Amino acid sequence: MRDKEEGRLKWRIVALCWGALVMTSMIRISLGIAAPTLMKEFDISPSTMGYVLSGWNWAYTALQLFVGPLVDQFGAWMVLGVGAGVWSLSTIALPLAASAFGLFMFRALFGIGHSMLIPAQGSSISRWFQSEQRSTALGFAFSGSQVGSFVGAAVCAFILSRFGWQSIFYWIGGANLVFALIWILFHPEKKIGPQVKLDHQAKTEKTQRVSVISLLRYRSAWGLAFGQMGYLYAYHVFLSWLPSYLIMERNMSVALTGIFAGLPFLMGIFGTIGGGWLGDALIRRGFGHTTSRKMVVGVGMMAATIMVVSAAYSTQTWLAITLLTFCMGALRATTGSANAMPIDLAPSASVASLVSIQNFGGNLGGLAAPIVTGYILAATGSFTGALVTAGAVMCFGAFSYVFIVGRLPEEDVGGASGADSV
């Protein structure tokens, strides 16, 4: 009975994390859908719009190294509950902006709230799932970002064409506010304080907290940060500029853009879930944690690199969209294994801190992506160089995950080796 109840609760955790990623991804893609309209209305150049599109990521990235220890200290329930309220209200208020600077500032407020999501999710998955289940759980949770981007692209395009750009943020922000209430009311552990493993899982687990500064002494922490940098650079090129790419380079209408901009994220749903399952399936079939995680990440990111570069030079729209769609599937297939690595490596009392290091490095790439893309577009009048750059940075990320991250602990309960594993 105890195992059945625990199983039900831990998958409720996954469902809530999935919902959080759905909601925030709808917010993130909403500005990409509205960007061409906003550029005309406020006379914003492509390079300036790159800064606006990255506005949330400036605050998000700056707070990562602080949010991780905050989650370790106070727990996921309260920290993410507050974060969800902040990201919802800032989205509802965004139409108050009357300039590029105003848009940037409201997106920065969204980034403050959003910064709490991934460390809180990592802490929760570490507490409830053993190592051979984590990639699967993370795959399901992270598939929410693809669902949110896919659905959000179509929904935002529909709202834009019928009601105007302001209505996008009223509706999407309101839906997120409802989710914030759901998180607060239905989270299975309404507890404020340090999060460690369940009592019957913690017999061999070291629970000492390790500071962010101490974690940065380990090579693997840098490998996680650089690897995620390559991953999120490429992902944020899709997230921030794909709708504009289809409209400006492929001459699509807004209505068609709402459909085709969602296809890579639809493929990403299957890639994220399938890749998460594969990472754990390899472990259950006798592969070591190190081999399993790195194989999935290395092969997936290199396949994505080849496809995005090929799409850059494609002269046929249908082929470019097909390549970008499968590129996203390959990239997202690495998500579960890549995000399981810090959970495997860190002691449970410091999981969120190591996740925040990985996410900090990753979001430096995510922060740079829309800005660099904007400058390349302004300088060349084409997205070709931007897509090739995304491929190059993604290749660097694959190298970092495979060769800079060290060996992962092979115990049944990941992280039992504590900080020495990092």
Protein backbone atom coordinates (compact mmCIF):
# COMPACT_ATOMS: atom_id res chain seq x y z
CA MET A 1 0.00 0.00 0.00
CA ARG A 2 2.85 2.36 0.87
CA ASP A 3 4.59 1.71 -2.46
CA LYS A 4 1.34 2.25 -4.38
CA GLU A 5 0.68 5.56 -2.64
CA GLU A 6 4.28 6.70 -3.16
CA GLY A 7 4.03 5.80 -6.85
CA ARG A 8 0.88 7.87 -7.23
CA LEU A 9 2.41 10.87 -5.50
CA LYS A 10 5.69 10.82 -7.38
CA TRP A 11 3.91 10.85 -10.73
CA ARG A 12 1.79 13.73 -9.47
CA ILE A 13 5.10 15.56 -9.00
CA VAL A 14 6.01 14.79 -12.62
CA ALA A 15 2.57 16.00 -13.77
CA LEU A 16 2.95 19.29 -11.90
CA CYS A 17 6.45 19.83 -13.30
CA TRP A 18 5.08 19.00 -16.76
CA GLY A 19 2.35 21.60 -16.27
CA ALA A 20 4.85 24.23 -15.19
CA LEU A 21 6.89 23.65 -18.33
CA VAL A 22 3.78 23.77 -20.53
CA MET A 23 2.77 27.10 -19.06
CA THR A 24 6.16 28.80 -19.15
CA SER A 25 6.87 27.57 -22.68
CA MET A 26 3.63 29.12 -23.89
CA ILE A 27 4.81 32.42 -22.41
CA ARG A 28 8.24 32.08 -23.97
CA ILE A 29 6.99 31.43 -27.50
CA SER A 30 4.25 34.05 -27.26
CA LEU A 31 6.66 36.92 -27.81
CA GLY A 32 8.23 35.13 -30.77
CA ILE A 33 4.80 34.94 -32.41
CA ALA A 34 4.11 38.61 -31.67
CA ALA A 35 7.63 39.81 -32.59
CA PRO A 36 7.04 40.74 -36.28
CA THR A 37 3.94 42.74 -35.29
CA LEU A 38 5.77 44.46 -32.43
CA MET A 39 8.74 45.29 -34.67
CA LYS A 40 6.40 47.19 -37.00
CA GLU A 41 4.28 48.83 -34.28
CA PHE A 42 7.19 50.09 -32.17
CA ASP A 43 9.73 50.44 -35.03
CA ILE A 44 12.09 47.90 -33.46
CA SER A 45 15.12 46.72 -35.48
CA PRO A 46 16.04 43.00 -35.69
CA SER A 47 19.07 43.49 -33.44
CA THR A 48 17.01 45.35 -30.82
CA MET A 49 14.30 42.69 -30.99
CA GLY A 50 17.00 40.14 -30.24
CA TYR A 51 17.54 41.87 -26.91
CA VAL A 52 13.80 42.04 -26.24
CA LEU A 53 13.38 38.33 -27.00
CA SER A 54 16.22 37.54 -24.61
CA GLY A 55 14.94 39.89 -21.89
CA TRP A 56 13.55 37.12 -19.67
CA ASN A 57 16.82 35.21 -19.93
CA TRP A 58 18.96 38.02 -18.51
CA ALA A 59 17.19 37.86 -15.16
CA TYR A 60 16.73 34.08 -15.39
CA THR A 61 20.44 33.45 -15.91
CA ALA A 62 21.64 36.00 -13.35
CA LEU A 63 19.56 34.33 -10.62
CA GLN A 64 20.40 30.69 -11.32
CA LEU A 65 23.33 30.39 -8.91
CA PHE A 66 21.18 31.92 -6.16
CA VAL A 67 17.95 30.04 -6.82
CA GLY A 68 19.52 26.58 -6.56
CA PRO A 69 20.67 27.06 -2.95
CA LEU A 70 17.31 28.73 -2.21
CA VAL A 71 15.46 25.59 -3.33
CA ASP A 72 17.86 23.37 -1.35
CA GLN A 73 17.13 25.46 1.74
CA PHE A 74 13.37 26.10 1.51
CA GLY A 75 12.05 23.37 -0.79
CA ALA A 76 10.40 23.21 -4.19
CA TRP A 77 6.78 23.79 -3.13
CA MET A 78 7.13 27.29 -1.73
CA VAL A 79 9.88 28.55 -4.04
CA LEU A 80 8.17 27.50 -7.27
CA GLY A 81 4.78 28.63 -5.99
CA VAL A 82 6.13 32.15 -5.56
CA GLY A 83 7.90 31.95 -8.91
CA ALA A 84 4.71 30.92 -10.72
CA GLY A 85 2.87 33.91 -9.30
CA VAL A 86 5.61 36.28 -10.47
CA TRP A 87 5.85 34.89 -14.01
CA SER A 88 2.05 34.95 -14.41
CA LEU A 89 1.46 38.52 -13.25
CA SER A 90 4.39 39.89 -15.28
CA THR A 91 2.92 38.33 -18.43
CA ILE A 92 -0.55 39.76 -17.81
CA ALA A 93 1.04 43.20 -17.34
CA LEU A 94 3.25 43.10 -20.46
CA PRO A 95 0.78 45.00 -22.73
CA LEU A 96 1.40 48.04 -20.51
CA ALA A 97 4.75 48.36 -22.29
CA ALA A 98 4.97 51.15 -24.85
CA SER A 99 8.54 50.67 -26.10
CA ALA A 100 11.26 48.09 -26.63
CA PHE A 101 12.64 48.92 -23.19
CA GLY A 102 9.27 48.34 -21.55
CA LEU A 103 8.89 44.99 -23.29
CA PHE A 104 12.38 44.04 -22.12
CA MET A 105 11.63 44.91 -18.49
CA PHE A 106 8.38 42.94 -18.31
CA ARG A 107 10.12 39.94 -19.84
CA ALA A 108 12.88 40.31 -17.26
CA LEU A 109 10.23 40.08 -14.51
CA PHE A 110 8.95 36.90 -16.15
CA GLY A 111 12.54 35.59 -16.06
CA ILE A 112 12.79 36.21 -12.32
CA GLY A 113 9.81 33.96 -11.65
CA HIS A 114 10.80 31.40 -14.28
CA SER A 115 14.32 31.05 -12.83
CA MET A 116 12.93 28.95 -9.98
CA LEU A 117 11.46 26.18 -12.16
CA ILE A 118 14.34 23.91 -13.23
CA PRO A 119 16.19 23.78 -9.87
CA ALA A 120 12.87 23.05 -8.13
CA GLN A 121 12.10 20.30 -10.61
CA GLY A 122 15.56 18.74 -10.22
CA SER A 123 15.23 18.71 -6.45
CA SER A 124 11.79 17.09 -6.65
CA ILE A 125 12.85 14.37 -9.13
CA SER A 126 15.92 13.58 -7.03
CA ARG A 127 13.80 13.15 -3.92
CA TRP A 128 11.15 10.88 -5.42
CA PHE A 129 12.93 8.85 -8.15
CA GLN A 130 15.83 6.40 -8.12
CA SER A 131 18.59 6.69 -10.71
CA GLU A 132 17.23 4.15 -13.20
CA GLN A 133 13.90 6.05 -13.30
CA ARG A 134 15.12 9.64 -13.49
CA SER A 135 15.70 10.00 -17.20
CA THR A 136 12.18 8.70 -17.86
CA ALA A 137 10.63 11.03 -15.27
CA LEU A 138 12.59 13.99 -16.59
CA GLY A 139 11.67 13.09 -20.16
CA PHE A 140 7.98 13.17 -19.32
CA ALA A 141 8.34 16.40 -17.34
CA PHE A 142 10.39 18.20 -19.98
CA SER A 143 8.01 17.11 -22.73
CA GLY A 144 5.77 19.81 -21.27
CA SER A 145 8.02 22.46 -22.78
CA GLN A 146 7.40 20.98 -26.23
CA VAL A 147 3.66 20.69 -25.66
CA GLY A 148 3.59 24.31 -24.49
CA SER A 149 5.62 25.52 -27.47
CA PHE A 150 3.58 23.50 -29.99
CA VAL A 151 0.19 24.47 -28.58
CA GLY A 152 1.34 27.97 -27.72
CA ALA A 153 2.48 28.73 -31.27
CA ALA A 154 -0.93 27.84 -32.69
CA VAL A 155 -2.94 29.48 -29.89
CA CYS A 156 -0.92 32.70 -29.92
CA ALA A 157 -1.11 32.95 -33.71
CA PHE A 158 -4.90 32.51 -33.53
CA ILE A 159 -5.29 35.13 -30.79
CA LEU A 160 -3.00 37.54 -32.67
CA SER A 161 -4.96 37.24 -35.92
CA ARG A 162 -8.35 37.64 -34.21
CA PHE A 163 -7.86 39.91 -31.19
CA GLY A 164 -4.47 41.64 -31.44
CA TRP A 165 -1.11 41.12 -29.77
CA GLN A 166 -2.16 42.44 -26.33
CA SER A 167 -4.76 39.69 -25.93
CA ILE A 168 -2.05 37.04 -26.28
CA PHE A 169 -0.52 38.04 -22.96
CA TYR A 170 -3.81 38.52 -21.14
CA TRP A 171 -4.97 34.99 -21.99
CA ILE A 172 -1.63 33.20 -21.58
CA GLY A 173 -0.81 35.07 -18.35
CA GLY A 174 -4.26 34.31 -16.93
CA ALA A 175 -3.88 30.60 -17.67
CA ASN A 176 -0.53 30.63 -15.87
CA LEU A 177 -2.08 32.28 -12.83
CA VAL A 178 -4.57 29.40 -12.63
CA PHE A 179 -1.63 26.97 -12.78
CA ALA A 180 0.09 28.79 -9.89
CA LEU A 181 -2.96 28.05 -7.74
CA ILE A 182 -2.96 24.41 -8.86
CA TRP A 183 0.70 24.04 -7.85
CA ILE A 184 0.06 25.50 -4.41
CA LEU A 185 -3.07 23.44 -3.75
CA PHE A 186 -2.15 20.04 -5.23
CA HIS A 187 1.57 19.64 -4.54
CA PRO A 188 1.90 16.47 -2.40
CA GLU A 189 4.43 17.99 0.01
CA LYS A 190 3.38 21.34 1.38
CA LYS A 191 6.59 21.67 3.34
CA ILE A 192 9.07 24.47 3.78
CA GLY A 193 12.62 23.33 4.46
CA PRO A 194 15.53 21.31 3.03
CA GLN A 195 14.52 18.49 0.68
CA VAL A 196 16.22 15.10 1.08
CA LYS A 197 15.32 11.64 -0.08
CA LEU A 198 12.42 9.70 1.37
CA ASP A 199 13.41 7.96 4.59
CA HIS A 200 13.55 4.44 3.16
CA GLN A 201 15.70 5.62 0.22
CA ALA A 202 18.26 7.50 2.28
CA LYS A 203 20.11 4.72 4.09
CA THR A 204 23.28 5.14 2.07
CA GLU A 205 22.80 8.73 1.00
CA LYS A 206 25.08 11.48 2.19
CA THR A 207 22.88 14.46 2.95
CA GLN A 208 25.46 17.16 3.62
CA ARG A 209 24.95 20.35 1.65
CA VAL A 210 27.74 21.44 -0.69
CA SER A 211 28.03 25.09 -1.66
CA VAL A 212 27.95 26.31 -5.24
CA ILE A 213 31.55 27.53 -4.91
CA SER A 214 32.68 24.07 -3.77
CA LEU A 215 30.81 22.40 -6.63
CA LEU A 216 32.60 24.64 -9.14
CA ARG A 217 35.91 23.04 -8.13
CA TYR A 218 34.91 19.89 -10.00
CA ARG A 219 35.50 19.40 -13.71
CA SER A 220 32.12 17.75 -14.18
CA ALA A 221 30.29 20.87 -13.00
CA TRP A 222 31.94 22.84 -15.80
CA GLY A 223 31.20 20.07 -18.29
CA LEU A 224 27.51 20.20 -17.35
CA ALA A 225 27.48 24.00 -17.74
CA PHE A 226 29.24 24.00 -21.13
CA GLY A 227 27.17 21.08 -22.40
CA GLN A 228 23.91 22.78 -21.49
CA MET A 229 25.21 25.97 -23.08
CA GLY A 230 25.37 24.22 -26.44
CA TYR A 231 21.97 22.61 -25.94
CA LEU A 232 20.10 25.75 -24.92
CA TYR A 233 21.79 28.01 -27.48
CA ALA A 234 20.32 25.92 -30.29
CA TYR A 235 16.99 25.48 -28.52
CA HIS A 236 16.57 29.22 -27.97
CA VAL A 237 17.26 29.98 -31.61
CA PHE A 238 14.17 27.87 -32.33
CA LEU A 239 12.18 29.29 -29.44
CA SER A 240 12.85 32.96 -30.12
CA TRP A 241 13.35 33.27 -33.89
CA LEU A 242 11.66 30.30 -35.61
CA PRO A 243 8.32 32.09 -36.21
CA SER A 244 10.17 35.12 -37.60
CA TYR A 245 12.36 32.82 -39.74
CA LEU A 246 9.28 31.30 -41.34
CA ILE A 247 7.64 34.70 -41.93
CA MET A 248 10.70 36.68 -43.00
CA GLU A 249 12.83 34.07 -44.82
CA ARG A 250 10.25 31.54 -45.99
CA ASN A 251 7.47 34.11 -46.69
CA MET A 252 4.76 32.30 -44.71
CA SER A 253 1.55 33.91 -43.53
CA VAL A 254 0.90 34.33 -39.81
CA ALA A 255 -1.71 31.55 -39.90
CA LEU A 256 0.64 29.04 -41.57
CA THR A 257 3.46 30.08 -39.26
CA GLY A 258 1.31 29.13 -36.28
CA ILE A 259 1.10 25.60 -37.71
CA PHE A 260 4.60 25.05 -39.06
CA ALA A 261 6.40 26.78 -36.18
CA GLY A 262 4.80 24.19 -33.92
CA LEU A 263 5.95 21.12 -35.87
CA PRO A 264 9.50 20.99 -34.41
CA PHE A 265 8.03 21.23 -30.92
CA LEU A 266 5.53 18.48 -31.71
CA MET A 267 8.42 16.27 -32.76
CA GLY A 268 10.20 17.42 -29.62
CA ILE A 269 7.44 15.85 -27.49
CA PHE A 270 8.20 12.41 -28.90
CA GLY A 271 11.94 13.02 -28.77
CA THR A 272 11.88 14.12 -25.14
CA ILE A 273 9.76 11.21 -23.91
CA GLY A 274 11.48 8.62 -26.13
CA GLY A 275 14.96 9.81 -25.26
CA GLY A 276 14.13 9.81 -21.55
CA TRP A 277 12.85 6.24 -21.76
CA LEU A 278 15.91 5.13 -23.76
CA GLY A 279 18.36 6.55 -21.21
CA ASP A 280 16.86 4.45 -18.41
CA ALA A 281 16.23 1.41 -20.64
CA LEU A 282 19.94 1.20 -21.43
CA ILE A 283 20.74 1.19 -17.70
CA ARG A 284 18.19 -1.56 -17.06
CA ARG A 285 19.80 -3.59 -19.84
CA GLY A 286 23.17 -3.48 -18.15
CA PHE A 287 24.83 -0.36 -19.55
CA GLY A 288 26.58 1.82 -16.98
CA HIS A 289 25.14 5.20 -16.07
CA THR A 290 28.07 6.95 -17.75
CA THR A 291 27.74 5.03 -21.02
CA SER A 292 23.96 5.36 -21.14
CA ARG A 293 23.72 9.08 -20.40
CA LYS A 294 26.64 10.11 -22.62
CA MET A 295 25.65 7.89 -25.53
CA VAL A 296 22.16 9.38 -25.71
CA VAL A 297 23.42 12.95 -25.34
CA GLY A 298 26.37 12.67 -27.73
CA VAL A 299 24.51 10.93 -30.56
CA GLY A 300 21.42 13.14 -30.22
CA MET A 301 23.28 16.46 -30.26
CA MET A 302 25.54 15.51 -33.16
CA ALA A 303 22.56 14.33 -35.24
CA ALA A 304 20.81 17.63 -34.48
CA THR A 305 23.95 19.54 -35.54
CA ILE A 306 24.03 17.84 -38.94
CA MET A 307 20.35 18.54 -39.55
CA VAL A 308 20.33 22.21 -38.57
CA VAL A 309 23.34 22.95 -40.79
CA SER A 310 21.69 21.09 -43.68
CA ALA A 311 18.49 23.11 -43.16
CA ALA A 312 20.49 26.33 -43.29
CA TYR A 313 21.51 25.66 -46.89
CA SER A 314 18.26 24.14 -48.10
CA THR A 315 16.60 26.09 -50.89
CA GLN A 316 13.28 24.25 -50.53
CA THR A 317 10.98 25.33 -47.74
CA TRP A 318 9.45 21.88 -47.18
CA LEU A 319 12.90 20.31 -46.80
CA ALA A 320 14.13 23.01 -44.43
CA ILE A 321 11.05 22.60 -42.21
CA THR A 322 11.44 18.81 -42.26
CA LEU A 323 15.11 19.02 -41.26
CA LEU A 324 14.41 21.54 -38.50
CA THR A 325 11.55 19.37 -37.23
CA PHE A 326 13.74 16.26 -36.93
CA CYS A 327 16.58 18.39 -35.58
CA MET A 328 14.39 19.37 -32.65
CA GLY A 329 13.42 15.74 -32.10
CA ALA A 330 17.08 14.67 -31.93
CA LEU A 331 18.04 17.58 -29.68
CA ARG A 332 15.18 16.99 -27.27
CA ALA A 333 15.95 13.25 -27.10
CA THR A 334 19.00 14.24 -25.03
CA THR A 335 16.96 16.12 -22.43
CA GLY A 336 16.28 13.35 -19.92
CA SER A 337 19.84 12.02 -19.84
CA ALA A 338 21.46 15.48 -19.82
CA ASN A 339 19.32 16.66 -16.92
CA ALA A 340 19.73 13.37 -15.02
CA MET A 341 23.52 13.86 -14.89
CA PRO A 342 23.59 16.51 -12.12
CA ILE A 343 21.03 14.52 -10.12
CA ASP A 344 23.21 11.42 -10.43
CA LEU A 345 26.33 13.34 -9.42
CA ALA A 346 25.22 15.51 -6.48
CA PRO A 347 24.24 14.57 -2.93
CA SER A 348 20.48 15.03 -2.52
CA ALA A 349 20.83 18.07 -0.25
CA SER A 350 22.70 19.91 -3.03
CA VAL A 351 20.96 18.67 -6.17
CA ALA A 352 19.28 22.00 -6.90
CA SER A 353 22.63 23.79 -6.54
CA LEU A 354 24.33 21.58 -9.14
CA VAL A 355 21.28 21.80 -11.41
CA SER A 356 21.48 25.59 -11.13
CA ILE A 357 25.14 25.52 -12.23
CA GLN A 358 24.19 23.46 -15.28
CA ASN A 359 21.26 25.76 -15.98
CA PHE A 360 23.35 28.90 -15.47
CA GLY A 361 25.82 27.80 -18.14
CA GLY A 362 23.00 26.67 -20.37
CA ASN A 363 21.19 29.95 -20.14
CA LEU A 364 24.29 31.93 -21.00
CA GLY A 365 23.90 30.15 -24.32
CA GLY A 366 20.15 30.72 -24.30
CA LEU A 367 20.71 34.39 -23.52
CA ALA A 368 23.19 34.83 -26.35
CA ALA A 369 21.14 32.96 -28.96
CA PRO A 370 18.44 35.55 -29.81
CA ILE A 371 20.93 38.42 -29.62
CA VAL A 372 23.57 36.80 -31.85
CA THR A 373 20.85 35.68 -34.26
CA GLY A 374 19.48 39.22 -34.40
CA TYR A 375 22.90 40.67 -35.23
CA ILE A 376 23.59 38.04 -37.89
CA LEU A 377 20.18 38.70 -39.43
CA ALA A 378 20.75 42.46 -39.40
CA ALA A 379 24.22 42.08 -40.96
CA THR A 380 23.40 39.47 -43.63
CA GLY A 381 19.66 39.74 -44.17
CA SER A 382 19.46 35.96 -43.86
CA PHE A 383 19.13 33.26 -41.21
CA THR A 384 21.70 30.96 -42.84
CA GLY A 385 24.64 32.10 -40.71
CA ALA A 386 22.50 32.00 -37.58
CA LEU A 387 21.54 28.35 -38.13
CA VAL A 388 25.14 27.34 -38.87
CA THR A 389 26.24 29.10 -35.69
CA ALA A 390 23.61 27.16 -33.74
CA GLY A 391 25.04 23.93 -35.13
CA ALA A 392 28.60 24.86 -34.16
CA VAL A 393 27.65 25.75 -30.58
CA MET A 394 25.60 22.54 -30.30
CA CYS A 395 28.63 20.51 -31.40
CA PHE A 396 30.67 22.13 -28.63
CA GLY A 397 27.95 21.18 -26.14
CA ALA A 398 28.08 17.53 -27.23
CA PHE A 399 31.86 17.51 -26.73
CA SER A 400 31.49 18.96 -23.24
CA TYR A 401 28.91 16.41 -22.08
CA VAL A 402 30.87 13.47 -23.45
CA PHE A 403 34.47 14.44 -22.64
CA ILE A 404 34.47 17.05 -19.85
CA VAL A 405 31.82 15.53 -17.57
CA GLY A 406 33.49 12.71 -15.64
CA ARG A 407 32.22 9.26 -14.75
CA LEU A 408 28.82 9.03 -13.09
CA PRO A 409 28.23 6.90 -9.97
CA GLU A 410 26.87 3.45 -10.80
CA GLU A 411 24.87 2.82 -7.59
CA ASP A 412 21.17 1.99 -7.86
CA VAL A 413 20.36 5.21 -6.02
CA GLY A 414 22.15 8.00 -7.87
CA GLY A 415 24.13 10.51 -5.89
CA ALA A 416 25.10 8.10 -3.11
CA SER A 417 28.69 8.95 -3.70
CA GLY A 418 27.96 12.51 -2.73
CA ALA A 419 29.98 15.48 -3.82
CA ASP A 420 33.02 13.29 -4.51
CA SER A 421 31.18 12.10 -7.62
CA VAL A 422 31.21 15.60 -9.07
